[in-house]
C-alpha cells in the first residue's frame, strides 16, 4: 500500500512541475487540431468516393 501512495504522491509532484499552456495557446492548438481533422476527413472522403466510383465503373464493364 505504501508503494501506491508513494506513486500517487510522486505523480502530484510531477504534475505541479508541468508548464501548462495559456488559454490563447490552447485555443490555437485546438483550432489547428480540429482544422487538420476536418481537412483529413474531407481528403479521405474524396479518395473513398473516387475509389468507389472506379470500382463501380470497372464492374459495370
Protein backbone atom coordinates (compact mmCIF):
# COMPACT_ATOMS: atom_id res chain seq x y z
CA UNK A 1 0.00 0.00 0.00
CA UNK A 2 2.90 2.36 0.72
CA UNK A 3 4.16 1.95 -2.85
CA UNK A 4 0.81 3.01 -4.30
CA UNK A 5 0.50 6.11 -2.11
CA UNK A 6 4.13 6.98 -2.86
CA UNK A 7 3.46 6.61 -6.57
CA UNK A 8 0.48 8.96 -6.48
CA UNK A 9 2.44 11.39 -4.34
CA UNK A 10 5.16 11.47 -6.98
CA UNK A 11 2.53 11.95 -9.70
CA UNK A 12 1.16 15.00 -7.88
CA UNK A 13 4.69 16.45 -7.52
CA UNK A 14 5.42 15.98 -11.21
CA UNK A 15 2.06 17.44 -12.27
CA UNK A 16 2.91 20.62 -10.34
CA UNK A 17 6.10 20.96 -12.41
CA UNK A 18 4.23 20.83 -15.72
CA UNK A 19 4.16 24.03 -17.74
CA UNK A 20 0.51 24.22 -18.78
CA UNK A 21 -0.36 26.21 -21.94
CA UNK A 22 -2.13 29.54 -21.64
CA UNK A 23 -5.71 29.97 -22.87
CA UNK A 24 -4.58 31.64 -26.12
CA UNK A 25 -2.14 28.83 -26.92
CA UNK A 26 -4.74 26.17 -26.11
CA UNK A 27 -7.27 27.86 -28.37
CA UNK A 28 -4.72 27.98 -31.20
CA UNK A 29 -3.80 24.32 -30.74
CA UNK A 30 -7.46 23.31 -30.66
CA UNK A 31 -8.20 25.18 -33.89
CA UNK A 32 -5.19 23.59 -35.56
CA UNK A 33 -6.19 20.08 -34.48
CA UNK A 34 -9.84 20.49 -35.49
CA UNK A 35 -8.99 22.01 -38.88
CA UNK A 36 -6.49 19.22 -39.55
CA UNK A 37 -9.11 16.61 -38.68
CA UNK A 38 -11.65 18.25 -41.00
CA UNK A 39 -9.15 18.50 -43.88
CA UNK A 40 -8.10 14.87 -43.46
CA UNK A 41 -11.74 13.71 -43.25
CA UNK A 42 -12.59 15.54 -46.49
CA UNK A 43 -9.45 14.19 -48.16
CA UNK A 44 -10.23 10.59 -47.26
CA UNK A 45 -13.89 11.01 -48.18
CA UNK A 46 -12.89 12.23 -51.65
CA UNK A 47 -10.39 9.39 -52.06
CA UNK A 48 -13.01 6.86 -50.91
CA UNK A 49 -15.57 8.29 -53.31
CA UNK A 50 -13.07 8.13 -56.16
CA UNK A 51 -12.13 4.53 -55.45
CA UNK A 52 -15.79 3.54 -55.08
CA UNK A 53 -16.67 5.12 -58.42
CA UNK A 54 -13.68 3.46 -60.10
CA UNK A 55 -14.74 0.04 -58.78
CA UNK A 56 -18.37 0.62 -59.88
CA UNK A 57 -17.17 1.69 -63.33
CA UNK A 58 -14.88 -1.34 -63.57
CA UNK A 59 -17.63 -3.76 -62.51
CA UNK A 60 -20.08 -2.21 -64.98
CA UNK A 61 -17.83 -3.13 -67.91
